[in-house]
C-alpha cells in the first residue's frame, strides 16, 4: 500500500486539468463540487467567476461518470507493481498530491494575502475531490499518511479547510465485509447524505477488533455495541429493529466504522532541531531541560528522563525539573514547512 502525502503548497494537478475540461463542457468535476449556479465560469481562467448570469437557455448536460473523468489509478504505471499477487513488488512507492492554494486577496486591506470567499470554496472543493477519490479507491484512503503546507497564510488556510474535509472521511475506517462476524446486528440511525446511511451496532453484539496494517493512520479499529457503521444507501435499511449487518451492506465489499483519529503530542515549532542528549531522538513529546540548559544545552526526552538522565555535562544535583510540554495535534497534519514557501526568482540579464 503506497503511503500518500497531501502537500497544500501549490490546486491538485489532475483536479485542475479535469476541472478545466469539465468547465469547458459546462459541468463540474463532481456533483458535490459544482460552482454556484448563479456564476458562469471561464474555462481558461476557472479560478475566477465571471460577473454575469449563465444563459438560462443553455441547459447543462448531465455530468460525466466519475470513472470517465477520473479513471482508477494504475498502480503498475512503472511496471514494478504487477497486479499478480504472486509477484513481489519491486521497491516502495509514495503517492504525493500537490494542491495549489485557493484564490487570495492581492490588494491591500485587512485580508491581504488571505483567501477570498471564492478561495475558501475552492479549498473545500479540492478537499471533497480527494474524499471522492478515497471513496472510489480504498487503497488510496488507507495509504493517507500526512499533509503539510508552506507557512504562507493562503496555503495554511487552504490546508486547514482541506484537512477538515479529508479527516472527516478518514474517521470512517473501511472494513471488508468478509471480516465481519456473522452475528453482528445493526439498527438504522439516520441518512448521512444521498449516498450513505448510518447504523448503530446492537447492544447484544460482542466487541471485536479489526486489524489492517496497510491502514497507516488507523491500523486497528474496535467494533462494539453502539459503534457507528456507515453503509451505502443502496444496501441500507430504515428498519428500527436490529437486523444482521450482512442484510444491509448489499453488494458492497466494505462497510465503514467511525473512529476519530487519535491525537498525538508535538512540541511547538520553536523547538524544531532539538534532539535528546540521551538517545539522540528528535521525535519528542516533551522536553526535560537541565537546570543549567542555558549554559550546557542538555535536554532529555520522556523515556530517558524516566530512566534517570545521564550526561557528562550534568552537574551533581541537576534535577532537570523544567519541562516544555508538547501539544495535542492531529497525526495527519504535519507542521507547516517553510521550505515550501514561494521565493523570489533572480532574473539574470543576458
Protein backbone atom coordinates (compact mmCIF):
# COMPACT_ATOMS: atom_id res chain seq x y z
CA UNK A 1 0.00 0.00 0.00
CA UNK A 2 1.54 3.28 -1.10
CA UNK A 3 1.74 5.99 1.56
CA UNK A 4 0.06 9.18 0.44
CA UNK A 5 1.12 12.72 1.27
CA UNK A 6 -1.00 15.81 0.61
CA UNK A 7 1.07 18.96 0.16
CA UNK A 8 -1.09 22.10 0.06
CA UNK A 9 1.69 24.32 -1.20
CA UNK A 10 0.65 24.58 -4.71
CA UNK A 11 -4.64 23.00 -6.94
CA UNK A 12 -4.23 19.22 -7.41
CA UNK A 13 -2.81 18.96 -10.93
CA UNK A 14 -5.13 16.21 -12.07
CA UNK A 15 -8.02 18.04 -10.41
CA UNK A 16 -7.06 21.30 -12.09
CA UNK A 17 -6.79 19.74 -15.55
CA UNK A 18 -10.02 17.79 -15.11
CA UNK A 19 -11.79 20.90 -13.82
CA UNK A 20 -10.66 22.87 -16.87
CA UNK A 21 -12.01 20.09 -19.11
CA UNK A 22 -15.25 19.91 -17.19
CA UNK A 23 -15.60 23.70 -17.08
CA UNK A 24 -15.24 23.84 -20.86
CA UNK A 25 -18.12 21.37 -21.08
CA UNK A 26 -20.16 23.45 -18.65
CA UNK A 27 -20.18 20.90 -15.83
CA UNK A 28 -18.40 20.41 -12.53
CA UNK A 29 -15.84 17.71 -11.78
CA UNK A 30 -18.11 16.23 -9.13
CA UNK A 31 -21.76 16.86 -8.41
CA UNK A 32 -20.77 17.87 -4.87
CA UNK A 33 -18.17 20.31 -6.18
CA UNK A 34 -20.08 22.33 -8.77
CA UNK A 35 -19.77 26.12 -8.62
CA UNK A 36 -22.85 28.14 -7.65
CA UNK A 37 -25.42 28.10 -10.42
CA UNK A 38 -25.54 31.92 -10.38
CA UNK A 39 -21.97 32.14 -11.67
CA UNK A 40 -20.71 31.40 -15.16
CA UNK A 41 -17.18 30.01 -15.24
CA UNK A 42 -14.44 30.90 -17.68
CA UNK A 43 -12.79 27.65 -18.87
CA UNK A 44 -9.46 29.39 -19.47
CA UNK A 45 -9.32 31.09 -16.05
CA UNK A 46 -11.54 28.84 -13.97
CA UNK A 47 -10.29 30.29 -10.69
CA UNK A 48 -12.32 33.46 -11.24
CA UNK A 49 -16.12 33.67 -11.70
CA UNK A 50 -17.49 35.88 -14.43
CA UNK A 51 -19.76 38.58 -13.07
CA UNK A 52 -22.75 37.55 -15.15
CA UNK A 53 -25.56 35.05 -15.07
CA UNK A 54 -25.20 31.85 -17.09
CA UNK A 55 -27.60 31.92 -20.08
CA UNK A 56 -30.92 30.48 -18.96
CA UNK A 57 -31.39 28.69 -22.27
CA UNK A 58 -28.05 26.89 -22.05
CA UNK A 59 -29.12 23.69 -20.31
CA UNK A 60 -26.21 21.84 -18.77
CA UNK A 61 -25.69 18.26 -19.89
CA UNK A 62 -25.55 15.64 -17.13
CA UNK A 63 -22.10 15.37 -15.56
CA UNK A 64 -19.87 12.61 -16.98
CA UNK A 65 -19.50 9.47 -14.86
CA UNK A 66 -16.84 9.71 -12.17
CA UNK A 67 -14.94 6.79 -13.75
CA UNK A 68 -14.71 8.68 -17.07
CA UNK A 69 -13.31 11.88 -15.58
CA UNK A 70 -11.10 10.05 -13.07
CA UNK A 71 -10.16 6.53 -14.16
CA UNK A 72 -8.73 4.24 -11.44
CA UNK A 73 -5.09 4.88 -10.67
CA UNK A 74 -2.80 2.41 -12.47
CA UNK A 75 -0.62 1.13 -9.63
CA UNK A 76 1.63 -0.64 -12.15
CA UNK A 77 2.35 2.52 -14.12
CA UNK A 78 6.11 1.99 -13.66
CA UNK A 79 5.90 -1.78 -14.42
CA UNK A 80 7.23 -2.53 -10.92
CA UNK A 81 3.95 -3.31 -9.15
CA UNK A 82 2.05 -6.00 -11.12
CA UNK A 83 -1.48 -6.90 -10.09
CA UNK A 84 -0.47 -10.56 -9.74
CA UNK A 85 -0.27 -11.25 -6.01
CA UNK A 86 2.33 -13.96 -6.62
CA UNK A 87 4.81 -11.41 -7.99
CA UNK A 88 6.76 -9.48 -5.35
CA UNK A 89 6.62 -5.69 -5.93
CA UNK A 90 9.97 -4.00 -6.52
CA UNK A 91 10.64 -1.16 -4.11
CA UNK A 92 8.21 1.14 -2.34
CA UNK A 93 6.03 3.76 -3.96
CA UNK A 94 4.83 7.03 -2.46
CA UNK A 95 1.89 8.92 -3.91
CA UNK A 96 2.24 12.69 -3.46
CA UNK A 97 -0.68 15.02 -4.20
CA UNK A 98 0.23 18.64 -4.91
CA UNK A 99 -2.57 21.14 -4.29
CA UNK A 100 -2.48 24.82 -5.21
CA UNK A 101 -3.85 27.31 -2.68
CA UNK A 102 -7.19 28.96 -3.39
CA UNK A 103 -7.74 32.45 -4.79
CA UNK A 104 -6.43 35.11 -2.39
CA UNK A 105 -6.66 38.86 -1.92
CA UNK A 106 -3.81 40.52 -3.81
CA UNK A 107 -4.66 44.12 -2.90
CA UNK A 108 -4.49 45.92 0.43
CA UNK A 109 -6.76 45.77 3.43
CA UNK A 110 -7.01 43.51 6.48
CA UNK A 111 -7.50 40.44 4.26
CA UNK A 112 -4.38 40.98 2.14
CA UNK A 113 -2.72 37.64 1.44
CA UNK A 114 -5.67 35.66 2.86
CA UNK A 115 -8.15 33.56 0.89
CA UNK A 116 -11.17 35.22 -0.66
CA UNK A 117 -14.62 33.67 -0.26
CA UNK A 118 -14.11 32.02 -3.62
CA UNK A 119 -10.69 30.77 -2.49
CA UNK A 120 -12.23 29.11 0.56
CA UNK A 121 -14.83 27.43 -1.64
CA UNK A 122 -12.05 26.21 -3.95
CA UNK A 123 -10.26 24.69 -0.94
CA UNK A 124 -13.46 22.90 0.10
CA UNK A 125 -13.89 21.62 -3.47
CA UNK A 126 -10.32 20.31 -3.52
CA UNK A 127 -10.85 18.54 -0.20
CA UNK A 128 -14.11 16.99 -1.37
CA UNK A 129 -12.45 15.90 -4.60
CA UNK A 130 -9.81 13.97 -2.66
CA UNK A 131 -12.54 12.48 -0.43
CA UNK A 132 -14.34 11.25 -3.56
CA UNK A 133 -11.12 9.69 -4.80
CA UNK A 134 -10.59 7.96 -1.45
CA UNK A 135 -14.11 6.54 -1.52
CA UNK A 136 -13.56 5.25 -5.05
CA UNK A 137 -10.13 3.80 -4.16
CA UNK A 138 -9.96 2.28 -0.64
CA UNK A 139 -6.23 1.59 -1.08
CA UNK A 140 -5.60 5.32 -1.57
CA UNK A 141 -7.58 6.09 1.57
CA UNK A 142 -5.68 3.57 3.69
CA UNK A 143 -2.40 4.94 2.38
CA UNK A 144 -3.10 8.51 3.51
CA UNK A 145 -0.21 9.40 5.80
CA UNK A 146 0.10 13.16 6.35
CA UNK A 147 -0.35 16.59 4.82
CA UNK A 148 1.66 19.77 5.13
CA UNK A 149 1.77 23.23 3.60
CA UNK A 150 4.02 26.21 3.30
CA UNK A 151 3.82 28.79 6.08
CA UNK A 152 2.12 31.38 3.86
CA UNK A 153 -1.31 32.43 5.16
CA UNK A 154 -3.13 31.45 1.96
CA UNK A 155 -1.52 27.99 1.92
CA UNK A 156 -2.16 27.37 5.63
CA UNK A 157 -5.81 28.39 5.29
CA UNK A 158 -6.24 26.16 2.22
CA UNK A 159 -4.70 23.23 4.12
CA UNK A 160 -6.91 23.89 7.17
CA UNK A 161 -10.09 23.73 5.08
CA UNK A 162 -8.95 20.64 3.16
CA UNK A 163 -7.85 18.92 6.37
CA UNK A 164 -11.36 19.19 7.83
CA UNK A 165 -12.87 17.55 4.73
CA UNK A 166 -10.28 14.77 4.49
CA UNK A 167 -10.14 13.92 8.20
CA UNK A 168 -13.93 13.63 8.32
CA UNK A 169 -13.60 10.81 5.77
CA UNK A 170 -10.52 9.25 7.38
CA UNK A 171 -12.56 8.87 10.57
CA UNK A 172 -14.66 6.27 8.71
CA UNK A 173 -12.42 3.18 8.70
CA UNK A 174 -13.21 0.77 5.86
CA UNK A 175 -13.65 -2.87 6.93
CA UNK A 176 -14.06 -5.74 4.42
CA UNK A 177 -17.47 -7.38 4.58
CA UNK A 178 -15.71 -10.73 4.80
CA UNK A 179 -14.15 -9.67 8.14
CA UNK A 180 -17.40 -9.00 9.99
CA UNK A 181 -18.77 -11.56 12.47
CA UNK A 182 -21.90 -13.36 11.28
CA UNK A 183 -23.78 -12.36 14.44
CA UNK A 184 -23.17 -8.61 14.04
CA UNK A 185 -26.51 -6.76 14.07
CA UNK A 186 -27.25 -3.09 13.49
CA UNK A 187 -30.11 -0.61 13.90
CA UNK A 188 -30.83 2.21 11.45
CA UNK A 189 -29.89 5.64 12.82
CA UNK A 190 -30.06 8.24 10.02
CA UNK A 191 -29.27 9.03 6.41
CA UNK A 192 -25.88 10.79 6.30
CA UNK A 193 -26.37 12.06 2.75
CA UNK A 194 -27.75 10.86 -0.57
CA UNK A 195 -25.17 8.04 -0.74
CA UNK A 196 -24.74 6.70 2.80
CA UNK A 197 -26.79 5.70 5.85
CA UNK A 198 -25.57 5.38 9.43
CA UNK A 199 -26.32 2.32 11.56
CA UNK A 200 -25.61 1.62 15.23
CA UNK A 201 -24.28 -1.73 16.41
CA UNK A 202 -26.90 -3.53 18.51
CA UNK A 203 -26.39 -3.74 22.27
CA UNK A 204 -26.26 -7.53 22.27
CA UNK A 205 -23.23 -7.81 19.99
CA UNK A 206 -19.83 -8.83 21.34
CA UNK A 207 -16.93 -6.43 20.66
CA UNK A 208 -14.21 -7.39 18.23
CA UNK A 209 -11.10 -5.70 16.81
CA UNK A 210 -10.32 -5.47 13.10
CA UNK A 211 -6.63 -5.07 12.26
CA UNK A 212 -5.25 -3.83 8.95
CA UNK A 213 -1.53 -2.87 8.92
CA UNK A 214 -1.96 -1.33 5.48
CA UNK A 215 -4.10 1.42 7.04
CA UNK A 216 -1.26 3.72 8.02
CA UNK A 217 -3.21 6.06 10.32
CA UNK A 218 -5.69 3.59 11.84
CA UNK A 219 -4.22 0.07 11.69
CA UNK A 220 -6.84 -1.26 14.13
CA UNK A 221 -10.41 -0.37 14.99
CA UNK A 222 -12.72 -1.79 17.66
CA UNK A 223 -16.35 -2.54 16.82
CA UNK A 224 -18.66 -2.81 19.81
CA UNK A 225 -22.19 -2.04 20.95
CA UNK A 226 -23.09 1.50 19.95
CA UNK A 227 -20.39 1.76 17.26
CA UNK A 228 -21.38 3.89 14.27
CA UNK A 229 -21.48 1.96 10.98
CA UNK A 230 -21.72 3.56 7.53
CA UNK A 231 -23.24 1.62 4.63
CA UNK A 232 -24.25 2.53 1.10
CA UNK A 233 -27.87 3.65 0.75
CA UNK A 234 -28.50 1.02 -1.92
CA UNK A 235 -27.95 -1.68 0.67
CA UNK A 236 -29.30 0.22 3.67
CA UNK A 237 -32.34 -0.44 5.80
CA UNK A 238 -34.60 2.04 7.59
CA UNK A 239 -35.98 -0.56 9.97
CA UNK A 240 -35.96 0.44 13.65
CA UNK A 241 -35.31 -3.16 14.71
CA UNK A 242 -31.93 -4.89 14.79
CA UNK A 243 -31.02 -6.71 11.57
CA UNK A 244 -27.85 -8.58 10.55
CA UNK A 245 -25.28 -6.24 9.00
CA UNK A 246 -24.93 -8.72 6.14
CA UNK A 247 -28.54 -7.88 5.16
CA UNK A 248 -27.85 -4.15 4.74
CA UNK A 249 -24.43 -3.99 3.06
CA UNK A 250 -25.87 -5.21 -0.23
CA UNK A 251 -23.24 -5.81 -2.89
CA UNK A 252 -20.67 -3.56 -1.20
CA UNK A 253 -17.27 -5.06 -0.46
CA UNK A 254 -16.73 -2.73 2.51
CA UNK A 255 -18.61 -1.11 5.35
CA UNK A 256 -17.12 1.69 7.46
CA UNK A 257 -16.73 2.09 11.22
CA UNK A 258 -16.42 5.55 12.76
CA UNK A 259 -13.23 6.02 14.75
CA UNK A 260 -11.78 9.51 15.13
CA UNK A 261 -8.04 9.89 14.63
CA UNK A 262 -6.17 9.69 17.92
CA UNK A 263 -4.34 12.95 18.63
CA UNK A 264 -0.55 12.93 19.01
CA UNK A 265 1.73 15.17 21.06
CA UNK A 266 4.04 17.52 19.18
CA UNK A 267 6.40 20.16 20.52
CA UNK A 268 5.92 23.81 19.50
CA UNK A 269 7.71 24.82 16.31
CA UNK A 270 10.35 26.86 18.17
CA UNK A 271 11.89 23.59 19.44
CA UNK A 272 12.48 22.27 15.92
CA UNK A 273 16.03 20.98 15.57
CA UNK A 274 16.47 19.90 19.19
CA UNK A 275 17.25 16.24 19.95
CA UNK A 276 17.52 14.20 23.14
CA UNK A 277 21.03 14.07 24.62
CA UNK A 278 20.33 10.57 25.92
CA UNK A 279 19.07 8.65 22.87
CA UNK A 280 19.52 11.37 20.20
CA UNK A 281 15.90 11.11 19.03
CA UNK A 282 14.43 14.25 17.51
CA UNK A 283 10.86 12.99 17.91
CA UNK A 284 9.89 14.07 21.41
CA UNK A 285 6.53 14.64 23.08
CA UNK A 286 8.04 16.67 25.93
CA UNK A 287 11.48 18.15 26.69
CA UNK A 288 13.08 17.89 30.15
CA UNK A 289 15.72 20.61 30.43
CA UNK A 290 18.86 20.56 32.53
CA UNK A 291 18.81 23.10 35.37
CA UNK A 292 21.71 24.76 33.54
CA UNK A 293 20.42 24.29 29.96
CA UNK A 294 21.16 27.94 29.14
CA UNK A 295 24.85 27.04 29.50
CA UNK A 296 25.13 23.32 28.69
CA UNK A 297 22.15 22.94 26.27
CA UNK A 298 21.37 19.49 27.72
CA UNK A 299 17.85 18.09 27.37
CA UNK A 300 16.10 14.71 27.55
CA UNK A 301 13.00 13.01 26.13
CA UNK A 302 10.39 11.38 28.38
CA UNK A 303 11.93 7.89 28.19
CA UNK A 304 15.48 8.99 29.03
CA UNK A 305 14.22 11.23 31.84
CA UNK A 306 12.20 8.35 33.32
CA UNK A 307 15.27 6.07 33.27
CA UNK A 308 17.34 8.70 35.07
CA UNK A 309 19.04 11.39 32.95
CA UNK A 310 22.77 10.86 32.46
CA UNK A 311 25.25 13.10 30.65
CA UNK A 312 28.82 14.21 31.26
CA UNK A 313 27.71 17.87 31.20
CA UNK A 314 25.20 17.38 34.05
CA UNK A 315 26.31 18.70 37.42
CA UNK A 316 25.62 16.81 40.61
CA UNK A 317 22.12 17.54 41.89
CA UNK A 318 20.78 18.62 38.48
CA UNK A 319 17.07 17.77 38.66
CA UNK A 320 16.06 18.53 35.04
CA UNK A 321 12.83 19.79 36.57
CA UNK A 322 11.93 22.30 33.88
CA UNK A 323 9.68 20.81 31.18
CA UNK A 324 8.41 22.03 27.83
CA UNK A 325 5.23 20.10 27.02
CA UNK A 326 4.06 19.06 23.59
CA UNK A 327 0.60 19.99 22.30
CA UNK A 328 -2.07 17.52 21.16
CA UNK A 329 -2.41 17.71 17.39
CA UNK A 330 -3.80 15.68 14.50
CA UNK A 331 -1.46 12.90 13.34
CA UNK A 332 -2.46 13.71 9.75
CA UNK A 333 -1.32 17.34 9.77
CA UNK A 334 2.43 17.82 9.82
CA UNK A 335 3.96 21.17 10.88
CA UNK A 336 3.97 23.85 8.18
CA UNK A 337 7.15 23.64 6.13
CA UNK A 338 8.90 26.97 5.49
CA UNK A 339 10.91 25.28 2.72
CA UNK A 340 7.71 25.17 0.66
CA UNK A 341 7.29 28.96 0.73
CA UNK A 342 7.28 30.76 -2.59
CA UNK A 343 10.56 32.56 -3.25
CA UNK A 344 11.57 35.44 -5.46
CA UNK A 345 13.33 34.31 -8.59
CA UNK A 346 16.51 36.15 -9.57
CA UNK A 347 16.45 37.09 -13.21
CA UNK A 348 19.84 37.07 -14.90
CA UNK A 349 20.16 39.62 -17.68
CA UNK A 350 21.59 38.47 -20.97
